[in-house]
Structures are given as C-alpha cells and as structure tokens.
PDB file of N, CA and C in Angstrom:
ATOM      1  N   MET A   1     113.344 116.541  96.214  1.00  0.00           N
ATOM      2  CA  MET A   1     112.766 115.741  97.261  1.00  0.00           C
ATOM      3  C   MET A   1     112.980 114.268  96.928  1.00  0.00           C
ATOM      4  N   LYS A   2     113.278 113.462  97.915  1.00  0.00           N
ATOM      5  CA  LYS A   2     113.543 112.043  97.738  1.00  0.00           C
ATOM      6  C   LYS A   2     112.252 111.296  97.404  1.00  0.00           C
ATOM      7  N   PRO A   3     112.304 110.383  96.413  1.00  0.00           N
ATOM      8  CA  PRO A   3     111.107 109.611  96.088  1.00  0.00           C
ATOM      9  C   PRO A   3     110.806 108.572  97.158  1.00  0.00           C
ATOM     10  N   PHE A   4     109.549 108.235  97.290  1.00  0.00           N
ATOM     11  CA  PHE A   4     109.124 107.127  98.139  1.00  0.00           C
ATOM     12  C   PHE A   4     109.263 105.881  97.277  1.00  0.00           C
ATOM     13  N   ALA A   5     109.769 104.770  97.847  1.00  0.00           N
ATOM     14  CA  ALA A   5     110.010 103.578  97.045  1.00  0.00           C
ATOM     15  C   ALA A   5     109.575 102.312  97.763  1.00  0.00           C
ATOM     16  N   GLY A   6     109.184 101.302  96.968  1.00  0.00           N
ATOM     17  CA  GLY A   6     108.811  99.991  97.491  1.00  0.00           C
ATOM     18  C   GLY A   6     110.034  99.109  97.654  1.00  0.00           C
ATOM     19  N   ASN A   7     109.873  98.022  98.400  1.00  0.00           N
ATOM     20  CA  ASN A   7     110.994  97.115  98.648  1.00  0.00           C
ATOM     21  C   ASN A   7     111.075  95.973  97.647  1.00  0.00           C
ATOM     22  N   ARG A   8     109.947  95.285  97.391  1.00  0.00           N
ATOM     23  CA  ARG A   8     109.981  94.091  96.544  1.00  0.00           C
ATOM     24  C   ARG A   8     109.589  94.390  95.105  1.00  0.00           C
ATOM     25  N   THR A   9     108.380  94.829  94.897  1.00  0.00           N
ATOM     26  CA  THR A   9     107.907  95.159  93.554  1.00  0.00           C
ATOM     27  C   THR A   9     108.327  96.584  93.250  1.00  0.00           C
ATOM     28  N   PRO A  10     108.848  96.851  92.068  1.00  0.00           N
ATOM     29  CA  PRO A  10     109.256  98.226  91.749  1.00  0.00           C
ATOM     30  C   PRO A  10     108.064  99.187  91.745  1.00  0.00           C
ATOM     31  N   PHE A  11     108.083 100.128  92.662  1.00  0.00           N
ATOM     32  CA  PHE A  11     107.060 101.174  92.718  1.00  0.00           C
ATOM     33  C   PHE A  11     107.660 102.395  93.394  1.00  0.00           C
ATOM     34  N   PHE A  12     107.453 103.563  92.771  1.00  0.00           N
ATOM     35  CA  PHE A  12     107.979 104.812  93.303  1.00  0.00           C
ATOM     36  C   PHE A  12     106.920 105.897  93.226  1.00  0.00           C
ATOM     37  N   VAL A  13     106.945 106.796  94.185  1.00  0.00           N
ATOM     38  CA  VAL A  13     106.158 108.019  94.155  1.00  0.00           C
ATOM     39  C   VAL A  13     107.171 109.146  94.112  1.00  0.00           C
ATOM     40  N   ILE A  14     107.212 109.865  93.001  1.00  0.00           N
ATOM     41  CA  ILE A  14     108.210 110.910  92.806  1.00  0.00           C
ATOM     42  C   ILE A  14     107.506 112.258  92.794  1.00  0.00           C
ATOM     43  N   PRO A  15     107.733 113.073  93.832  1.00  0.00           N
ATOM     44  CA  PRO A  15     107.065 114.387  93.905  1.00  0.00           C
ATOM     45  C   PRO A  15     107.498 115.308  92.771  1.00  0.00           C
ATOM     46  N   PHE A  16     106.543 116.091  92.267  1.00  0.00           N
ATOM     47  CA  PHE A  16     106.860 117.123  91.279  1.00  0.00           C
ATOM     48  C   PHE A  16     107.667 118.214  91.965  1.00  0.00           C
ATOM     49  N   ASP A  17     108.551 118.848  91.224  1.00  0.00           N
ATOM     50  CA  ASP A  17     109.356 119.941  91.772  1.00  0.00           C
ATOM     51  C   ASP A  17     108.493 121.102  92.254  1.00  0.00           C
ATOM     52  N   ASP A  18     107.360 121.336  91.591  1.00  0.00           N
ATOM     53  CA  ASP A  18     106.508 122.473  91.953  1.00  0.00           C
ATOM     54  C   ASP A  18     105.592 122.193  93.146  1.00  0.00           C
ATOM     55  N   GLY A  19     105.613 120.950  93.657  1.00  0.00           N
ATOM     56  CA  GLY A  19     104.837 120.622  94.843  1.00  0.00           C
ATOM     57  C   GLY A  19     103.348 120.389  94.606  1.00  0.00           C
ATOM     58  N   ARG A  20     102.902 120.411  93.352  1.00  0.00           N
ATOM     59  CA  ARG A  20     101.468 120.267  93.091  1.00  0.00           C
ATOM     60  C   ARG A  20     101.004 118.828  93.014  1.00  0.00           C
ATOM     61  N   GLY A  21     101.927 117.890  92.966  1.00  0.00           N
ATOM     62  CA  GLY A  21     101.544 116.495  92.854  1.00  0.00           C
ATOM     63  C   GLY A  21     102.738 115.579  92.780  1.00  0.00           C
ATOM     64  N   ALA A  22     102.507 114.401  92.188  1.00  0.00           N
ATOM     65  CA  ALA A  22     103.565 113.399  92.121  1.00  0.00           C
ATOM     66  C   ALA A  22     103.341 112.486  90.931  1.00  0.00           C
ATOM     67  N   ARG A  23     104.399 111.782  90.587  1.00  0.00           N
ATOM     68  CA  ARG A  23     104.376 110.805  89.510  1.00  0.00           C
ATOM     69  C   ARG A  23     104.442 109.417  90.129  1.00  0.00           C
ATOM     70  N   LEU A  24     103.570 108.509  89.685  1.00  0.00           N
ATOM     71  CA  LEU A  24     103.606 107.121  90.149  1.00  0.00           C
ATOM     72  C   LEU A  24     104.304 106.289  89.096  1.00  0.00           C
ATOM     73  N   VAL A  25     105.274 105.489  89.525  1.00  0.00           N
ATOM     74  CA  VAL A  25     106.090 104.700  88.604  1.00  0.00           C
ATOM     75  C   VAL A  25     106.107 103.252  89.074  1.00  0.00           C
ATOM     76  N   GLY A  26     105.797 102.325  88.165  1.00  0.00           N
ATOM     77  CA  GLY A  26     105.897 100.905  88.482  1.00  0.00           C
ATOM     78  C   GLY A  26     104.556 100.243  88.682  1.00  0.00           C
ATOM     79  N   GLU A  27     104.489  99.327  89.654  1.00  0.00           N
ATOM     80  CA  GLU A  27     103.304  98.528  89.913  1.00  0.00           C
ATOM     81  C   GLU A  27     102.706  98.886  91.273  1.00  0.00           C
ATOM     82  N   LEU A  28     101.467  99.356  91.240  1.00  0.00           N
ATOM     83  CA  LEU A  28     100.746  99.699  92.466  1.00  0.00           C
ATOM     84  C   LEU A  28      99.782  98.561  92.779  1.00  0.00           C
ATOM     85  N   ASP A  29     100.113  97.816  93.822  1.00  0.00           N
ATOM     86  CA  ASP A  29      99.291  96.667  94.192  1.00  0.00           C
ATOM     87  C   ASP A  29      99.335  96.474  95.707  1.00  0.00           C
ATOM     88  N   LEU A  30      98.792  95.361  96.157  1.00  0.00           N
ATOM     89  CA  LEU A  30      98.720  95.085  97.587  1.00  0.00           C
ATOM     90  C   LEU A  30     100.080  95.176  98.267  1.00  0.00           C
ATOM     91  N   SER A  31     101.142  94.767  97.574  1.00  0.00           N
ATOM     92  CA  SER A  31     102.471  94.767  98.199  1.00  0.00           C
ATOM     93  C   SER A  31     103.135  96.144  98.203  1.00  0.00           C
ATOM     94  N   THR A  32     102.627  97.105  97.409  1.00  0.00           N
ATOM     95  CA  THR A  32     103.276  98.416  97.332  1.00  0.00           C
ATOM     96  C   THR A  32     102.380  99.568  97.769  1.00  0.00           C
ATOM     97  N   VAL A  33     101.121  99.291  98.046  1.00  0.00           N
ATOM     98  CA  VAL A  33     100.185 100.374  98.359  1.00  0.00           C
ATOM     99  C   VAL A  33     100.618 101.162  99.592  1.00  0.00           C
ATOM    100  N   ARG A  34     101.322 100.534 100.509  1.00  0.00           N
ATOM    101  CA  ARG A  34     101.771 101.257 101.709  1.00  0.00           C
ATOM    102  C   ARG A  34     102.733 102.397 101.354  1.00  0.00           C
ATOM    103  N   VAL A  35     103.482 102.246 100.261  1.00  0.00           N
ATOM    104  CA  VAL A  35     104.378 103.308  99.794  1.00  0.00           C
ATOM    105  C   VAL A  35     103.543 104.505  99.349  1.00  0.00           C
ATOM    106  N   LEU A  36     102.484 104.236  98.592  1.00  0.00           N
ATOM    107  CA  LEU A  36     101.594 105.312  98.146  1.00  0.00           C
ATOM    108  C   LEU A  36     100.942 105.988  99.341  1.00  0.00           C
ATOM    109  N   LEU A  37     100.439 105.206 100.287  1.00  0.00           N
ATOM    110  CA  LEU A  37      99.771 105.780 101.457  1.00  0.00           C
ATOM    111  C   LEU A  37     100.715 106.667 102.264  1.00  0.00           C
ATOM    112  N   ALA A  38     101.953 106.245 102.438  1.00  0.00           N
ATOM    113  CA  ALA A  38     102.934 107.058 103.169  1.00  0.00           C
ATOM    114  C   ALA A  38     103.200 108.366 102.442  1.00  0.00           C
ATOM    115  N   ALA A  39     103.310 108.299 101.123  1.00  0.00           N
ATOM    116  CA  ALA A  39     103.557 109.509 100.336  1.00  0.00           C
ATOM    117  C   ALA A  39     102.366 110.459 100.416  1.00  0.00           C
ATOM    118  N   LEU A  40     101.164 109.932 100.296  1.00  0.00           N
ATOM    119  CA  LEU A  40      99.969 110.779 100.310  1.00  0.00           C
ATOM    120  C   LEU A  40      99.750 111.448 101.671  1.00  0.00           C
ATOM    121  N   GLU A  41     100.254 110.841 102.733  1.00  0.00           N
ATOM    122  CA  GLU A  41     100.140 111.442 104.065  1.00  0.00           C
ATOM    123  C   GLU A  41     101.058 112.647 104.229  1.00  0.00           C
ATOM    124  N   THR A  42     102.148 112.685 103.482  1.00  0.00           N
ATOM    125  CA  THR A  42     103.135 113.748 103.680  1.00  0.00           C
ATOM    126  C   THR A  42     103.194 114.780 102.559  1.00  0.00           C
ATOM    127  N   LEU A  43     102.658 114.431 101.390  1.00  0.00           N
ATOM    128  CA  LEU A  43     102.727 115.341 100.252  1.00  0.00           C
ATOM    129  C   LEU A  43     101.388 116.034 100.032  1.00  0.00           C
ATOM    130  N   PRO A  44     101.403 117.300  99.632  1.00  0.00           N
ATOM    131  CA  PRO A  44     100.153 117.988  99.275  1.00  0.00           C
ATOM    132  C   PRO A  44      99.750 117.611  97.851  1.00  0.00           C
ATOM    133  N   VAL A  45      99.188 116.416  97.696  1.00  0.00           N
ATOM    134  CA  VAL A  45      98.930 115.874  96.366  1.00  0.00           C
ATOM    135  C   VAL A  45      97.520 116.183  95.895  1.00  0.00           C
ATOM    136  N   GLY A  46      97.432 116.871  94.747  1.00  0.00           N
ATOM    137  CA  GLY A  46      96.159 117.109  94.079  1.00  0.00           C
ATOM    138  C   GLY A  46      96.172 116.558  92.675  1.00  0.00           C
ATOM    139  N   VAL A  47      97.396 116.236  92.180  1.00  0.00           N
ATOM    140  CA  VAL A  47      97.566 115.700  90.830  1.00  0.00           C
ATOM    141  C   VAL A  47      98.532 114.522  90.904  1.00  0.00           C
ATOM    142  N   LEU A  48      98.147 113.426  90.257  1.00  0.00           N
ATOM    143  CA  LEU A  48      99.037 112.279  90.138  1.00  0.00           C
ATOM    144  C   LEU A  48      99.177 111.936  88.667  1.00  0.00           C
ATOM    145  N   ASP A  49     100.412 111.835  88.215  1.00  0.00           N
ATOM    146  CA  ASP A  49     100.702 111.451  86.837  1.00  0.00           C
ATOM    147  C   ASP A  49     100.916 109.939  86.810  1.00  0.00           C
ATOM    148  N   LEU A  50     100.060 109.236  86.056  1.00  0.00           N
ATOM    149  CA  LEU A  50     100.122 107.775  85.996  1.00  0.00           C
ATOM    150  C   LEU A  50     100.785 107.260  84.725  1.00  0.00           C
ATOM    151  N   ALA A  51     101.454 108.114  83.969  1.00  0.00           N
ATOM    152  CA  ALA A  51     102.047 107.717  82.689  1.00  0.00           C
ATOM    153  C   ALA A  51     103.001 106.532  82.833  1.00  0.00           C
ATOM    154  N   GLU A  52     103.683 106.439  83.952  1.00  0.00           N
ATOM    155  CA  GLU A  52     104.654 105.364  84.135  1.00  0.00           C
ATOM    156  C   GLU A  52     104.159 104.284  85.096  1.00  0.00           C
ATOM    157  N   LEU A  53     102.863 104.283  85.374  1.00  0.00           N
ATOM    158  CA  LEU A  53     102.269 103.234  86.208  1.00  0.00           C
ATOM    159  C   LEU A  53     101.920 102.070  85.288  1.00  0.00           C
ATOM    160  N   SER A  54     102.607 100.953  85.454  1.00  0.00           N
ATOM    161  CA  SER A  54     102.432  99.825  84.548  1.00  0.00           C
ATOM    162  C   SER A  54     101.322  98.876  84.978  1.00  0.00           C
ATOM    163  N   PHE A  55     100.922  98.930  86.257  1.00  0.00           N
ATOM    164  CA  PHE A  55      99.883  98.028  86.763  1.00  0.00           C
ATOM    165  C   PHE A  55      99.273  98.637  88.008  1.00  0.00           C
ATOM    166  N   MET A  56      97.970  98.419  88.191  1.00  0.00           N
ATOM    167  CA  MET A  56      97.310  98.816  89.431  1.00  0.00           C
ATOM    168  C   MET A  56      96.196  97.821  89.708  1.00  0.00           C
ATOM    169  N   ASP A  57      96.119  97.345  90.950  1.00  0.00           N
ATOM    170  CA  ASP A  57      95.030  96.458  91.330  1.00  0.00           C
ATOM    171  C   ASP A  57      93.985  97.234  92.127  1.00  0.00           C
ATOM    172  N   ALA A  58      92.974  96.532  92.589  1.00  0.00           N
ATOM    173  CA  ALA A  58      91.868  97.168  93.300  1.00  0.00           C
ATOM    174  C   ALA A  58      92.327  97.849  94.586  1.00  0.00           C
ATOM    175  N   ARG A  59      93.341  97.345  95.235  1.00  0.00           N
ATOM    176  CA  ARG A  59      93.828  97.978  96.473  1.00  0.00           C
ATOM    177  C   ARG A  59      94.412  99.345  96.169  1.00  0.00           C
ATOM    178  N   GLY A  60      95.143  99.474  95.075  1.00  0.00           N
ATOM    179  CA  GLY A  60      95.676 100.771  94.672  1.00  0.00           C
ATOM    180  C   GLY A  60      94.564 101.744  94.334  1.00  0.00           C
ATOM    181  N   LEU A  61      93.556 101.253  93.612  1.00  0.00           N
ATOM    182  CA  LEU A  61      92.412 102.093  93.269  1.00  0.00           C
ATOM    183  C   LEU A  61      91.703 102.584  94.530  1.00  0.00           C
ATOM    184  N   HIS A  62      91.512 101.688  95.477  1.00  0.00           N
ATOM    185  CA  HIS A  62      90.850 102.058  96.739  1.00  0.00           C
ATOM    186  C   HIS A  62      91.644 103.138  97.479  1.00  0.00           C
ATOM    187  N   ALA A  63      92.964 103.027  97.493  1.00  0.00           N
ATOM    188  CA  ALA A  63      93.800 104.034  98.164  1.00  0.00           C
ATOM    189  C   ALA A  63      93.644 105.399  97.496  1.00  0.00           C
ATOM    190  N   LEU A  64      93.569 105.419  96.167  1.00  0.00           N
ATOM    191  CA  LEU A  64      93.380 106.686  95.453  1.00  0.00           C
ATOM    192  C   LEU A  64      92.009 107.285  95.764  1.00  0.00           C
ATOM    193  N   GLU A  65      90.990 106.439  95.809  1.00  0.00           N
ATOM    194  CA  GLU A  65      89.648 106.928  96.145  1.00  0.00           C
ATOM    195  C   GLU A  65      89.607 107.495  97.567  1.00  0.00           C
ATOM    196  N   GLN A  66      90.250 106.822  98.496  1.00  0.00           N
ATOM    197  CA  GLN A  66      90.283 107.315  99.878  1.00  0.00           C
ATOM    198  C   GLN A  66      90.965 108.672  99.946  1.00  0.00           C
ATOM    199  N   HIS A  67      92.090 108.812  99.268  1.00  0.00           N
ATOM    200  CA  HIS A  67      92.800 110.089  99.279  1.00  0.00           C
ATOM    201  C   HIS A  67      91.943 111.185  98.656  1.00  0.00           C
ATOM    202  N   ALA A  68      91.288 110.870  97.552  1.00  0.00           N
ATOM    203  CA  ALA A  68      90.424 111.851  96.893  1.00  0.00           C
ATOM    204  C   ALA A  68      89.308 112.296  97.838  1.00  0.00           C
ATOM    205  N   GLY A  69      88.758 111.372  98.593  1.00  0.00           N
ATOM    206  CA  GLY A  69      87.714 111.699  99.556  1.00  0.00           C
ATOM    207  C   GLY A  69      88.205 112.599 100.670  1.00  0.00           C
ATOM    208  N   ARG A  70      89.478 112.457 101.039  1.00  0.00           N
ATOM    209  CA  ARG A  70      90.052 113.290 102.102  1.00  0.00           C
ATOM    210  C   ARG A  70      90.277 114.729 101.657  1.00  0.00           C
ATOM    211  N   LEU A  71      90.180 114.989 100.371  1.00  0.00           N
ATOM    212  CA  LEU A  71      90.314 116.368  99.894  1.00  0.00           C
ATOM    213  C   LEU A  71      89.059 117.176 100.206  1.00  0.00           C
ATOM    214  N   ASN A  72      88.037 116.513 100.738  1.00  0.00           N
ATOM    215  CA  ASN A  72      86.806 117.158 101.218  1.00  0.00           C
ATOM    216  C   ASN A  72      86.115 118.014 100.171  1.00  0.00           C
ATOM    217  N   GLY A  73      86.170 117.600  98.930  1.00  0.00           N
ATOM    218  CA  GLY A  73      85.470 118.333  97.881  1.00  0.00           C
ATOM    219  C   GLY A  73      86.102 119.654  97.499  1.00  0.00           C
ATOM    220  N   SER A  74      87.259 119.988  98.082  1.00  0.00           N
ATOM    221  CA  SER A  74      87.916 121.254  97.734  1.00  0.00           C
ATOM    222  C   SER A  74      88.326 121.265  96.267  1.00  0.00           C
ATOM    223  N   ALA A  75      88.659 120.114  95.759  1.00  0.00           N
ATOM    224  CA  ALA A  75      88.997 119.927  94.346  1.00  0.00           C
ATOM    225  C   ALA A  75      89.082 118.426  94.110  1.00  0.00           C
ATOM    226  N   PRO A  76      88.854 117.985  92.892  1.00  0.00           N
ATOM    227  CA  PRO A  76      89.017 116.550  92.647  1.00  0.00           C
ATOM    228  C   PRO A  76      90.498 116.175  92.612  1.00  0.00           C
ATOM    229  N   LEU A  77      90.792 114.925  92.920  1.00  0.00           N
ATOM    230  CA  LEU A  77      92.128 114.390  92.710  1.00  0.00           C
ATOM    231  C   LEU A  77      92.248 114.131  91.212  1.00  0.00           C
ATOM    232  N   VAL A  78      93.189 114.786  90.562  1.00  0.00           N
ATOM    233  CA  VAL A  78      93.366 114.661  89.119  1.00  0.00           C
ATOM    234  C   VAL A  78      94.379 113.559  88.848  1.00  0.00           C
ATOM    235  N   LEU A  79      93.959 112.582  88.052  1.00  0.00           N
ATOM    236  CA  LEU A  79      94.833 111.503  87.627  1.00  0.00           C
ATOM    237  C   LEU A  79      95.117 111.720  86.147  1.00  0.00           C
ATOM    238  N   GLU A  80      96.358 112.070  85.840  1.00  0.00           N
ATOM    239  CA  GLU A  80      96.755 112.386  84.465  1.00  0.00           C
ATOM    240  C   GLU A  80      97.387 111.175  83.793  1.00  0.00           C
ATOM    241  N   ASN A  81      97.276 111.131  82.474  1.00  0.00           N
ATOM    242  CA  ASN A  81      97.917 110.097  81.666  1.00  0.00           C
ATOM    243  C   ASN A  81      97.503 108.693  82.104  1.00  0.00           C
ATOM    244  N   VAL A  82      96.195 108.510  82.263  1.00  0.00           N
ATOM    245  CA  VAL A  82      95.656 107.217  82.676  1.00  0.00           C
ATOM    246  C   VAL A  82      95.628 106.292  81.459  1.00  0.00           C
ATOM    247  N   SER A  83      96.340 105.178  81.551  1.00  0.00           N
ATOM    248  CA  SER A  83      96.409 104.230  80.439  1.00  0.00           C
ATOM    249  C   SER A  83      95.073 103.505  80.270  1.00  0.00           C
ATOM    250  N   PRO A  84      94.812 102.969  79.076  1.00  0.00           N
ATOM    251  CA  PRO A  84      93.555 102.242  78.860  1.00  0.00           C
ATOM    252  C   PRO A  84      93.312 101.093  79.850  1.00  0.00           C
ATOM    253  N   PRO A  85      94.309 100.257  80.187  1.00  0.00           N
ATOM    254  CA  PRO A  85      94.028  99.186  81.149  1.00  0.00           C
ATOM    255  C   PRO A  85      93.666  99.708  82.547  1.00  0.00           C
ATOM    256  N   ILE A  86      94.311 100.771  82.973  1.00  0.00           N
ATOM    257  CA  ILE A  86      94.004 101.324  84.297  1.00  0.00           C
ATOM    258  C   ILE A  86      92.662 102.044  84.257  1.00  0.00           C
ATOM    259  N   ARG A  87      92.367 102.735  83.173  1.00  0.00           N
ATOM    260  CA  ARG A  87      91.045 103.355  83.022  1.00  0.00           C
ATOM    261  C   ARG A  87      89.963 102.279  83.078  1.00  0.00           C
ATOM    262  N   ARG A  88      90.222 101.133  82.467  1.00  0.00           N
ATOM    263  CA  ARG A  88      89.246 100.028  82.477  1.00  0.00           C
ATOM    264  C   ARG A  88      88.955  99.571  83.895  1.00  0.00           C
ATOM    265  N   LEU A  89      89.966  99.512  84.756  1.00  0.00           N
ATOM    266  CA  LEU A  89      89.749  99.161  86.157  1.00  0.00           C
ATOM    267  C   LEU A  89      88.799 100.160  86.819  1.00  0.00           C
ATOM    268  N   PHE A  90      89.001 101.435  86.561  1.00  0.00           N
ATOM    269  CA  PHE A  90      88.113 102.464  87.100  1.00  0.00           C
ATOM    270  C   PHE A  90      86.689 102.281  86.578  1.00  0.00           C
ATOM    271  N   GLU A  91      86.564 101.959  85.291  1.00  0.00           N
ATOM    272  CA  GLU A  91      85.237 101.776  84.690  1.00  0.00           C
ATOM    273  C   GLU A  91      84.534 100.544  85.252  1.00  0.00           C
ATOM    274  N   LEU A  92      85.244  99.434  85.384  1.00  0.00           N
ATOM    275  CA  LEU A  92      84.644  98.199  85.892  1.00  0.00           C
ATOM    276  C   LEU A  92      84.135  98.341  87.319  1.00  0.00           C
ATOM    277  N   THR A  93      84.815  99.154  88.105  1.00  0.00           N
ATOM    278  CA  THR A  93      84.429  99.322  89.509  1.00  0.00           C
ATOM    279  C   THR A  93      83.482 100.502  89.723  1.00  0.00           C
ATOM    280  N   GLY A  94      83.278 101.315  88.694  1.00  0.00           N
ATOM    281  CA  GLY A  94      82.439 102.504  88.838  1.00  0.00           C
ATOM    282  C   GLY A  94      83.185 103.701  89.405  1.00  0.00           C
ATOM    283  N   ALA A  95      84.466 103.538  89.679  1.00  0.00           N
ATOM    284  CA  ALA A  95      85.252 104.636  90.257  1.00  0.00           C
ATOM    285  C   ALA A  95      85.430 105.789  89.281  1.00  0.00           C
ATOM    286  N   ASP A  96      85.229 105.539  87.985  1.00  0.00           N
ATOM    287  CA  ASP A  96      85.342 106.619  87.001  1.00  0.00           C
ATOM    288  C   ASP A  96      84.218 107.645  87.161  1.00  0.00           C
ATOM    289  N   ARG A  97      83.177 107.294  87.912  1.00  0.00           N
ATOM    290  CA  ARG A  97      82.067 108.220  88.171  1.00  0.00           C
ATOM    291  C   ARG A  97      82.179 108.909  89.532  1.00  0.00           C
ATOM    292  N   ASP A  98      83.257 108.659  90.246  1.00  0.00           N
ATOM    293  CA  ASP A  98      83.480 109.277  91.564  1.00  0.00           C
ATOM    294  C   ASP A  98      83.726 110.776  91.361  1.00  0.00           C
ATOM    295  N   PRO A  99      82.886 111.643  91.963  1.00  0.00           N
ATOM    296  CA  PRO A  99      83.071 113.080  91.754  1.00  0.00           C
ATOM    297  C   PRO A  99      84.359 113.633  92.364  1.00  0.00           C
ATOM    298  N   ASP A 100      84.993 112.865  93.232  1.00  0.00           N
ATOM    299  CA  ASP A 100      86.246 113.306  93.843  1.00  0.00           C
ATOM    300  C   ASP A 100      87.469 112.971  92.984  1.00  0.00           C
ATOM    301  N   LEU A 101      87.247 112.272  91.862  1.00  0.00           N
ATOM    302  CA  LEU A 101      88.330 111.891  90.955  1.00  0.00           C
ATOM    303  C   LEU A 101      88.091 112.473  89.573  1.00  0.00           C
ATOM    304  N   LYS A 102      89.165 112.877  88.919  1.00  0.00           N
ATOM    305  CA  LYS A 102      89.091 113.326  87.528  1.00  0.00           C
ATOM    306  C   LYS A 102      90.180 112.591  86.759  1.00  0.00           C
ATOM    307  N   LEU A 103      89.782 111.751  85.814  1.00  0.00           N
ATOM    308  CA  LEU A 103      90.723 110.973  85.017  1.00  0.00           C
ATOM    309  C   LEU A 103      91.002 111.675  83.700  1.00  0.00           C
ATOM    310  N   ARG A 104      92.264 111.753  83.353  1.00  0.00           N
ATOM    311  CA  ARG A 104      92.680 112.352  82.084  1.00  0.00           C
ATOM    312  C   ARG A 104      93.588 111.364  81.364  1.00  0.00           C
ATOM    313  N   SER A 105      93.328 111.151  80.097  1.00  0.00           N
ATOM    314  CA  SER A 105      94.168 110.282  79.264  1.00  0.00           C
ATOM    315  C   SER A 105      95.068 111.160  78.410  1.00  0.00           C
ATOM    316  N   GLY A 106      96.338 111.043  78.580  1.00  0.00           N
ATOM    317  CA  GLY A 106      97.276 111.797  77.753  1.00  0.00           C
ATOM    318  C   GLY A 106      97.085 113.289  77.814  1.00  0.00           C
ATOM    319  N   GLY A 107      96.680 113.805  78.980  1.00  0.00           N
ATOM    320  CA  GLY A 107      96.503 115.235  79.162  1.00  0.00           C
ATOM    321  C   GLY A 107      95.131 115.741  78.779  1.00  0.00           C
ATOM    322  N   ALA A 108      94.310 114.929  78.123  1.00  0.00           N
ATOM    323  CA  ALA A 108      92.955 115.344  77.745  1.00  0.00           C
ATOM    324  C   ALA A 108      91.977 114.980  78.845  1.00  0.00           C
ATOM    325  N   ASP A 109      90.925 115.751  78.982  1.00  0.00           N
ATOM    326  CA  ASP A 109      89.910 115.442  79.987  1.00  0.00           C
ATOM    327  C   ASP A 109      89.301 114.088  79.674  1.00  0.00           C
ATOM    328  N   GLY A 110      89.037 113.342  80.793  1.00  0.00           N
ATOM    329  CA  GLY A 110      88.432 112.031  80.607  1.00  0.00           C
ATOM    330  C   GLY A 110      87.098 111.938  81.240  1.00  0.00           C
TER     331      GLY A 110
END
C-alpha cells in the first residue's frame, strides 16, 4: 500500500502489511497533521508505531486523541515505541491518562 506523505515537512504514514496499523515517520505538527488525518480516515488503524516519529506538537497529539475517541471504546489506540520526548508531551497534557490511548515504550507497556 502506498504511504501517505507530507509536502513540506518530512512526514509519512506507512501502513503495516498486515493491516493492523501504521508507522509514523518524521515530524507530526500543524503543517503535516492533515496527512495523518487523511490516513486515519482510510486505514483501519488500532496500532501506531512511533519509533521513527522525530517530533510531535500538540496538534498531532490532539489528532491522535480524536482518532482514539472514534474507536468508541472497542479497544484503545495503541501507540508503540513512544520516545521519551513524545511521552513527555502526553504527560504534560494529561493525555497519558486517556483511557482510549495506550502508550508503550520500546514494546513494553507504558
């Protein structure tokens, strides 16, 4: 499947071959969040691998929270390989306590 890509700032959403989720690569911010939103509208995403996400601002975090909420409690949106700086953003905003999100650092439960 073709990845979704940003125009100015490098950002890609690359679907997993098994269809269970996608990998986020690059910088997720105000200028690239529309790429994520387009991907989330078309992909059956329950897992996002953030290992290659180098930056995320509050707009990216808000988009992830919105998507997690749209899962209607059927399962949490799992964010795998959450780096310490991105985890800190979740902690500062309280999003790490959102029951619709599950953060994992390096494959371990967070």
